[in-house]
Every structure is written in C-alpha cells, then in structure tokens.
Amino acid sequence: MAGQLFKSDTSIGANIREAQNAESKADFIHKFKIDAKEIDETECRIELCKGSNHYPDPEKELFEDLKLINKV
C-alpha cells in the first residue's frame, strides 16, 4: 500500500509538470484530467490507510492538500 500511495502521490507533481509542456490546449486538458484521477486515487489510498490498523492515521492536512492541488 505504501508503494502504491507513493506512486500515485508523486505522479501528481509529474503530471502537472508534464502539462506545462503540453503540445496543445487539448493535450494540456488531457494531462490535467489524468492528474485529477491520480488525486482521486491518492485520496482513496489515504482513506484506506486511515481505516487500517497497519498504517498510521493520516492527518487531515493531507486531504486538505489534495483538495487544494485539485483546485489548481
């Protein structure tokens, strides 16, 4: 789970950076839509960690950070 969370979390920044070099407006939008999926996936994994006895309870801050990134 930790590895999957790391992958989806770090993918968010990579996708934003990739969108900055988009070849067209459509490409830019497409890359941000992919990023929205990664944000949703990350949020889901954080929720799973929260409900698990094997992982520490993520702070509310993580969810607030994701919401902020998703608004950009």
PDB file of N, CA and C in Angstrom:
ATOM      1  N   MET A   1       0.813  -1.182   0.000  1.00  0.00           N
ATOM      2  CA  MET A   1       0.000   0.000   0.000  1.00  0.00           C
ATOM      3  C   MET A   1       0.867   1.260   0.000  1.00  0.00           C
ATOM      4  N   ALA A   2       1.914   1.249   0.802  1.00  0.00           N
ATOM      5  CA  ALA A   2       2.772   2.430   0.882  1.00  0.00           C
ATOM      6  C   ALA A   2       3.404   2.732  -0.474  1.00  0.00           C
ATOM      7  N   GLY A   3       3.830   1.689  -1.184  1.00  0.00           N
ATOM      8  CA  GLY A   3       4.426   1.880  -2.503  1.00  0.00           C
ATOM      9  C   GLY A   3       3.435   2.441  -3.505  1.00  0.00           C
ATOM     10  N   GLN A   4       2.206   1.948  -3.461  1.00  0.00           N
ATOM     11  CA  GLN A   4       1.170   2.440  -4.371  1.00  0.00           C
ATOM     12  C   GLN A   4       0.815   3.889  -4.057  1.00  0.00           C
ATOM     13  N   LEU A   5       0.759   4.206  -2.778  1.00  0.00           N
ATOM     14  CA  LEU A   5       0.472   5.581  -2.371  1.00  0.00           C
ATOM     15  C   LEU A   5       1.587   6.513  -2.840  1.00  0.00           C
ATOM     16  N   PHE A   6       2.821   6.065  -2.689  1.00  0.00           N
ATOM     17  CA  PHE A   6       3.959   6.867  -3.137  1.00  0.00           C
ATOM     18  C   PHE A   6       3.885   7.111  -4.645  1.00  0.00           C
ATOM     19  N   LYS A   7       3.551   6.078  -5.415  1.00  0.00           N
ATOM     20  CA  LYS A   7       3.479   6.222  -6.876  1.00  0.00           C
ATOM     21  C   LYS A   7       2.398   7.204  -7.303  1.00  0.00           C
ATOM     22  N   SER A   8       1.189   7.052  -6.741  1.00  0.00           N
ATOM     23  CA  SER A   8       0.110   7.949  -7.158  1.00  0.00           C
ATOM     24  C   SER A   8       0.364   9.371  -6.674  1.00  0.00           C
ATOM     25  N   ASP A   9       0.933   9.510  -5.481  1.00  0.00           N
ATOM     26  CA  ASP A   9       1.213  10.827  -4.924  1.00  0.00           C
ATOM     27  C   ASP A   9       2.269  11.568  -5.743  1.00  0.00           C
ATOM     28  N   THR A  10       3.351  10.901  -6.062  1.00  0.00           N
ATOM     29  CA  THR A  10       4.422  11.565  -6.818  1.00  0.00           C
ATOM     30  C   THR A  10       4.025  11.783  -8.275  1.00  0.00           C
ATOM     31  N   SER A  11       3.087  10.990  -8.756  1.00  0.00           N
ATOM     32  CA  SER A  11       2.613  11.150 -10.125  1.00  0.00           C
ATOM     33  C   SER A  11       1.891  12.480 -10.314  1.00  0.00           C
ATOM     34  N   ILE A  12       1.283  12.988  -9.256  1.00  0.00           N
ATOM     35  CA  ILE A  12       0.543  14.253  -9.348  1.00  0.00           C
ATOM     36  C   ILE A  12       1.474  15.379  -9.803  1.00  0.00           C
ATOM     37  N   GLY A  13       2.591  15.523  -9.130  1.00  0.00           N
ATOM     38  CA  GLY A  13       3.545  16.574  -9.499  1.00  0.00           C
ATOM     39  C   GLY A  13       4.127  16.373 -10.884  1.00  0.00           C
ATOM     40  N   ALA A  14       4.400  15.123 -11.214  1.00  0.00           N
ATOM     41  CA  ALA A  14       4.961  14.825 -12.535  1.00  0.00           C
ATOM     42  C   ALA A  14       3.973  15.174 -13.642  1.00  0.00           C
ATOM     43  N   ASN A  15       2.708  14.880 -13.430  1.00  0.00           N
ATOM     44  CA  ASN A  15       1.694  15.193 -14.441  1.00  0.00           C
ATOM     45  C   ASN A  15       1.495  16.688 -14.598  1.00  0.00           C
ATOM     46  N   ILE A  16       1.546  17.416 -13.496  1.00  0.00           N
ATOM     47  CA  ILE A  16       1.425  18.874 -13.584  1.00  0.00           C
ATOM     48  C   ILE A  16       2.596  19.444 -14.383  1.00  0.00           C
ATOM     49  N   ARG A  17       3.760  18.936 -14.093  1.00  0.00           N
ATOM     50  CA  ARG A  17       4.944  19.407 -14.824  1.00  0.00           C
ATOM     51  C   ARG A  17       4.853  19.066 -16.308  1.00  0.00           C
ATOM     52  N   GLU A  18       4.343  17.865 -16.591  1.00  0.00           N
ATOM     53  CA  GLU A  18       4.181  17.453 -17.984  1.00  0.00           C
ATOM     54  C   GLU A  18       3.154  18.340 -18.688  1.00  0.00           C
ATOM     55  N   ALA A  19       2.101  18.720 -17.990  1.00  0.00           N
ATOM     56  CA  ALA A  19       1.073  19.582 -18.584  1.00  0.00           C
ATOM     57  C   ALA A  19       1.639  20.945 -18.957  1.00  0.00           C
ATOM     58  N   GLN A  20       2.623  21.404 -18.202  1.00  0.00           N
ATOM     59  CA  GLN A  20       3.239  22.690 -18.508  1.00  0.00           C
ATOM     60  C   GLN A  20       3.934  22.680 -19.867  1.00  0.00           C
ATOM     61  N   ASN A  21       4.260  21.503 -20.341  1.00  0.00           N
ATOM     62  CA  ASN A  21       4.906  21.376 -21.653  1.00  0.00           C
ATOM     63  C   ASN A  21       3.970  20.753 -22.685  1.00  0.00           C
ATOM     64  N   ALA A  22       2.682  20.922 -22.480  1.00  0.00           N
ATOM     65  CA  ALA A  22       1.696  20.343 -23.392  1.00  0.00           C
ATOM     66  C   ALA A  22       1.872  20.897 -24.803  1.00  0.00           C
ATOM     67  N   GLU A  23       1.535  20.060 -25.757  1.00  0.00           N
ATOM     68  CA  GLU A  23       1.689  20.442 -27.161  1.00  0.00           C
ATOM     69  C   GLU A  23       0.498  21.240 -27.686  1.00  0.00           C
ATOM     70  N   SER A  24      -0.617  21.161 -26.968  1.00  0.00           N
ATOM     71  CA  SER A  24      -1.811  21.897 -27.378  1.00  0.00           C
ATOM     72  C   SER A  24      -2.709  22.096 -26.163  1.00  0.00           C
ATOM     73  N   LYS A  25      -3.743  22.892 -26.355  1.00  0.00           N
ATOM     74  CA  LYS A  25      -4.697  23.106 -25.277  1.00  0.00           C
ATOM     75  C   LYS A  25      -5.379  21.781 -24.905  1.00  0.00           C
ATOM     76  N   ALA A  26      -5.722  20.988 -25.910  1.00  0.00           N
ATOM     77  CA  ALA A  26      -6.353  19.685 -25.665  1.00  0.00           C
ATOM     78  C   ALA A  26      -5.418  18.758 -24.893  1.00  0.00           C
ATOM     79  N   ASP A  27      -4.148  18.776 -25.228  1.00  0.00           N
ATOM     80  CA  ASP A  27      -3.154  17.961 -24.527  1.00  0.00           C
ATOM     81  C   ASP A  27      -3.026  18.413 -23.073  1.00  0.00           C
ATOM     82  N   PHE A  28      -3.035  19.729 -22.872  1.00  0.00           N
ATOM     83  CA  PHE A  28      -2.962  20.299 -21.520  1.00  0.00           C
ATOM     84  C   PHE A  28      -4.143  19.813 -20.681  1.00  0.00           C
ATOM     85  N   ILE A  29      -5.333  19.918 -21.226  1.00  0.00           N
ATOM     86  CA  ILE A  29      -6.540  19.486 -20.517  1.00  0.00           C
ATOM     87  C   ILE A  29      -6.484  17.995 -20.231  1.00  0.00           C
ATOM     88  N   HIS A  30      -6.046  17.228 -21.201  1.00  0.00           N
ATOM     89  CA  HIS A  30      -5.939  15.774 -21.025  1.00  0.00           C
ATOM     90  C   HIS A  30      -5.000  15.418 -19.879  1.00  0.00           C
ATOM     91  N   LYS A  31      -3.875  16.081 -19.814  1.00  0.00           N
ATOM     92  CA  LYS A  31      -2.908  15.794 -18.753  1.00  0.00           C
ATOM     93  C   LYS A  31      -3.463  16.167 -17.377  1.00  0.00           C
ATOM     94  N   PHE A  32      -4.222  17.238 -17.299  1.00  0.00           N
ATOM     95  CA  PHE A  32      -4.819  17.612 -16.019  1.00  0.00           C
ATOM     96  C   PHE A  32      -5.953  16.662 -15.633  1.00  0.00           C
ATOM     97  N   LYS A  33      -6.633  16.103 -16.616  1.00  0.00           N
ATOM     98  CA  LYS A  33      -7.659  15.101 -16.300  1.00  0.00           C
ATOM     99  C   LYS A  33      -7.011  13.836 -15.737  1.00  0.00           C
ATOM    100  N   ILE A  34      -5.883  13.460 -16.286  1.00  0.00           N
ATOM    101  CA  ILE A  34      -5.134  12.322 -15.742  1.00  0.00           C
ATOM    102  C   ILE A  34      -4.720  12.645 -14.310  1.00  0.00           C
ATOM    103  N   ASP A  35      -4.283  13.861 -14.088  1.00  0.00           N
ATOM    104  CA  ASP A  35      -3.870  14.286 -12.754  1.00  0.00           C
ATOM    105  C   ASP A  35      -5.037  14.216 -11.768  1.00  0.00           C
ATOM    106  N   ALA A  36      -6.225  14.594 -12.214  1.00  0.00           N
ATOM    107  CA  ALA A  36      -7.405  14.523 -11.341  1.00  0.00           C
ATOM    108  C   ALA A  36      -7.655  13.079 -10.917  1.00  0.00           C
ATOM    109  N   LYS A  37      -7.419  12.137 -11.817  1.00  0.00           N
ATOM    110  CA  LYS A  37      -7.568  10.718 -11.474  1.00  0.00           C
ATOM    111  C   LYS A  37      -6.532  10.292 -10.441  1.00  0.00           C
ATOM    112  N   GLU A  38      -5.313  10.769 -10.593  1.00  0.00           N
ATOM    113  CA  GLU A  38      -4.251  10.440  -9.635  1.00  0.00           C
ATOM    114  C   GLU A  38      -4.569  11.020  -8.252  1.00  0.00           C
ATOM    115  N   ILE A  39      -5.112  12.225  -8.234  1.00  0.00           N
ATOM    116  CA  ILE A  39      -5.505  12.841  -6.968  1.00  0.00           C
ATOM    117  C   ILE A  39      -6.584  12.005  -6.296  1.00  0.00           C
ATOM    118  N   ASP A  40      -7.568  11.573  -7.073  1.00  0.00           N
ATOM    119  CA  ASP A  40      -8.640  10.741  -6.531  1.00  0.00           C
ATOM    120  C   ASP A  40      -8.089   9.413  -6.008  1.00  0.00           C
ATOM    121  N   GLU A  41      -7.185   8.825  -6.768  1.00  0.00           N
ATOM    122  CA  GLU A  41      -6.554   7.558  -6.368  1.00  0.00           C
ATOM    123  C   GLU A  41      -5.760   7.734  -5.073  1.00  0.00           C
ATOM    124  N   THR A  42      -5.026   8.821  -4.973  1.00  0.00           N
ATOM    125  CA  THR A  42      -4.248   9.100  -3.762  1.00  0.00           C
ATOM    126  C   THR A  42      -5.170   9.283  -2.567  1.00  0.00           C
ATOM    127  N   GLU A  43      -6.237  10.032  -2.765  1.00  0.00           N
ATOM    128  CA  GLU A  43      -7.195  10.246  -1.682  1.00  0.00           C
ATOM    129  C   GLU A  43      -7.806   8.915  -1.226  1.00  0.00           C
ATOM    130  N   CYS A  44      -8.139   8.056  -2.156  1.00  0.00           N
ATOM    131  CA  CYS A  44      -8.682   6.744  -1.826  1.00  0.00           C
ATOM    132  C   CYS A  44      -7.693   5.930  -0.994  1.00  0.00           C
ATOM    133  N   ARG A  45      -6.439   5.948  -1.390  1.00  0.00           N
ATOM    134  CA  ARG A  45      -5.426   5.186  -0.652  1.00  0.00           C
ATOM    135  C   ARG A  45      -5.194   5.754   0.746  1.00  0.00           C
ATOM    136  N   ILE A  46      -5.250   7.064   0.872  1.00  0.00           N
ATOM    137  CA  ILE A  46      -5.109   7.670   2.199  1.00  0.00           C
ATOM    138  C   ILE A  46      -6.284   7.243   3.085  1.00  0.00           C
ATOM    139  N   GLU A  47      -7.475   7.213   2.508  1.00  0.00           N
ATOM    140  CA  GLU A  47      -8.640   6.763   3.265  1.00  0.00           C
ATOM    141  C   GLU A  47      -8.482   5.306   3.696  1.00  0.00           C
ATOM    142  N   LEU A  48      -7.929   4.478   2.817  1.00  0.00           N
ATOM    143  CA  LEU A  48      -7.697   3.083   3.170  1.00  0.00           C
ATOM    144  C   LEU A  48      -6.685   2.970   4.305  1.00  0.00           C
ATOM    145  N   CYS A  49      -5.663   3.789   4.258  1.00  0.00           N
ATOM    146  CA  CYS A  49      -4.671   3.792   5.343  1.00  0.00           C
ATOM    147  C   CYS A  49      -5.323   4.212   6.654  1.00  0.00           C
ATOM    148  N   LYS A  50      -6.202   5.173   6.575  1.00  0.00           N
ATOM    149  CA  LYS A  50      -6.874   5.666   7.770  1.00  0.00           C
ATOM    150  C   LYS A  50      -7.697   4.557   8.424  1.00  0.00           C
ATOM    151  N   GLY A  51      -8.308   3.711   7.608  1.00  0.00           N
ATOM    152  CA  GLY A  51      -9.144   2.637   8.130  1.00  0.00           C
ATOM    153  C   GLY A  51      -8.387   1.380   8.498  1.00  0.00           C
ATOM    154  N   SER A  52      -7.089   1.372   8.288  1.00  0.00           N
ATOM    155  CA  SER A  52      -6.281   0.188   8.545  1.00  0.00           C
ATOM    156  C   SER A  52      -5.582   0.279   9.894  1.00  0.00           C
ATOM    157  N   ASN A  53      -5.401  -0.855  10.525  1.00  0.00           N
ATOM    158  CA  ASN A  53      -4.644  -0.907  11.771  1.00  0.00           C
ATOM    159  C   ASN A  53      -3.138  -0.994  11.514  1.00  0.00           C
ATOM    160  N   HIS A  54      -2.755  -1.185  10.261  1.00  0.00           N
ATOM    161  CA  HIS A  54      -1.349  -1.387   9.914  1.00  0.00           C
ATOM    162  C   HIS A  54      -0.622  -0.108   9.507  1.00  0.00           C
ATOM    163  N   TYR A  55      -1.365   0.972   9.307  1.00  0.00           N
ATOM    164  CA  TYR A  55      -0.753   2.232   8.880  1.00  0.00           C
ATOM    165  C   TYR A  55      -1.159   3.338   9.836  1.00  0.00           C
ATOM    166  N   PRO A  56      -0.311   4.328  10.003  1.00  0.00           N
ATOM    167  CA  PRO A  56      -0.678   5.444  10.883  1.00  0.00           C
ATOM    168  C   PRO A  56      -1.848   6.230  10.293  1.00  0.00           C
ATOM    169  N   ASP A  57      -2.617   6.830  11.142  1.00  0.00           N
ATOM    170  CA  ASP A  57      -3.763   7.639  10.721  1.00  0.00           C
ATOM    171  C   ASP A  57      -3.248   8.906  10.043  1.00  0.00           C
ATOM    172  N   PRO A  58      -3.548   9.078   8.755  1.00  0.00           N
ATOM    173  CA  PRO A  58      -3.082  10.290   8.067  1.00  0.00           C
ATOM    174  C   PRO A  58      -3.784  11.519   8.637  1.00  0.00           C
ATOM    175  N   GLU A  59      -3.060  12.588   8.680  1.00  0.00           N
ATOM    176  CA  GLU A  59      -3.611  13.829   9.215  1.00  0.00           C
ATOM    177  C   GLU A  59      -4.602  14.438   8.240  1.00  0.00           C
ATOM    178  N   LYS A  60      -5.501  15.213   8.781  1.00  0.00           N
ATOM    179  CA  LYS A  60      -6.491  15.919   7.964  1.00  0.00           C
ATOM    180  C   LYS A  60      -5.801  16.795   6.920  1.00  0.00           C
ATOM    181  N   GLU A  61      -4.610  17.266   7.257  1.00  0.00           N
ATOM    182  CA  GLU A  61      -3.844  18.125   6.345  1.00  0.00           C
ATOM    183  C   GLU A  61      -3.644  17.493   4.974  1.00  0.00           C
ATOM    184  N   LEU A  62      -3.424  16.197   4.939  1.00  0.00           N
ATOM    185  CA  LEU A  62      -3.198  15.516   3.658  1.00  0.00           C
ATOM    186  C   LEU A  62      -4.401  15.670   2.740  1.00  0.00           C
ATOM    187  N   PHE A  63      -5.589  15.512   3.304  1.00  0.00           N
ATOM    188  CA  PHE A  63      -6.793  15.667   2.493  1.00  0.00           C
ATOM    189  C   PHE A  63      -6.970  17.113   2.044  1.00  0.00           C
ATOM    190  N   GLU A  64      -6.666  18.051   2.921  1.00  0.00           N
ATOM    191  CA  GLU A  64      -6.772  19.465   2.561  1.00  0.00           C
ATOM    192  C   GLU A  64      -5.775  19.817   1.455  1.00  0.00           C
ATOM    193  N   ASP A  65      -4.572  19.267   1.532  1.00  0.00           N
ATOM    194  CA  ASP A  65      -3.561  19.499   0.493  1.00  0.00           C
ATOM    195  C   ASP A  65      -4.043  18.955  -0.848  1.00  0.00           C
ATOM    196  N   LEU A  66      -4.632  17.758  -0.838  1.00  0.00           N
ATOM    197  CA  LEU A  66      -5.140  17.176  -2.078  1.00  0.00           C
ATOM    198  C   LEU A  66      -6.251  18.035  -2.670  1.00  0.00           C
ATOM    199  N   LYS A  67      -7.140  18.531  -1.825  1.00  0.00           N
ATOM    200  CA  LYS A  67      -8.226  19.384  -2.323  1.00  0.00           C
ATOM    201  C   LYS A  67      -7.656  20.652  -2.947  1.00  0.00           C
ATOM    202  N   LEU A  68      -6.651  21.217  -2.312  1.00  0.00           N
ATOM    203  CA  LEU A  68      -6.021  22.431  -2.838  1.00  0.00           C
ATOM    204  C   LEU A  68      -5.360  22.166  -4.190  1.00  0.00           C
ATOM    205  N   ILE A  69      -4.621  21.061  -4.286  1.00  0.00           N
ATOM    206  CA  ILE A  69      -3.976  20.702  -5.551  1.00  0.00           C
ATOM    207  C   ILE A  69      -5.019  20.461  -6.621  1.00  0.00           C
ATOM    208  N   ASN A  70      -6.108  19.834  -6.262  1.00  0.00           N
ATOM    209  CA  ASN A  70      -7.158  19.515  -7.231  1.00  0.00           C
ATOM    210  C   ASN A  70      -7.837  20.766  -7.782  1.00  0.00           C
ATOM    211  N   LYS A  71      -7.849  21.859  -7.017  1.00  0.00           N
ATOM    212  CA  LYS A  71      -8.452  23.102  -7.465  1.00  0.00           C
ATOM    213  C   LYS A  71      -7.596  23.834  -8.476  1.00  0.00           C
ATOM    214  N   VAL A  72      -6.301  23.562  -8.495  1.00  0.00           N
ATOM    215  CA  VAL A  72      -5.376  24.279  -9.375  1.00  0.00           C
ATOM    216  C   VAL A  72      -5.601  23.927 -10.800  1.00  0.00           C
TER     217      VAL A  72
END
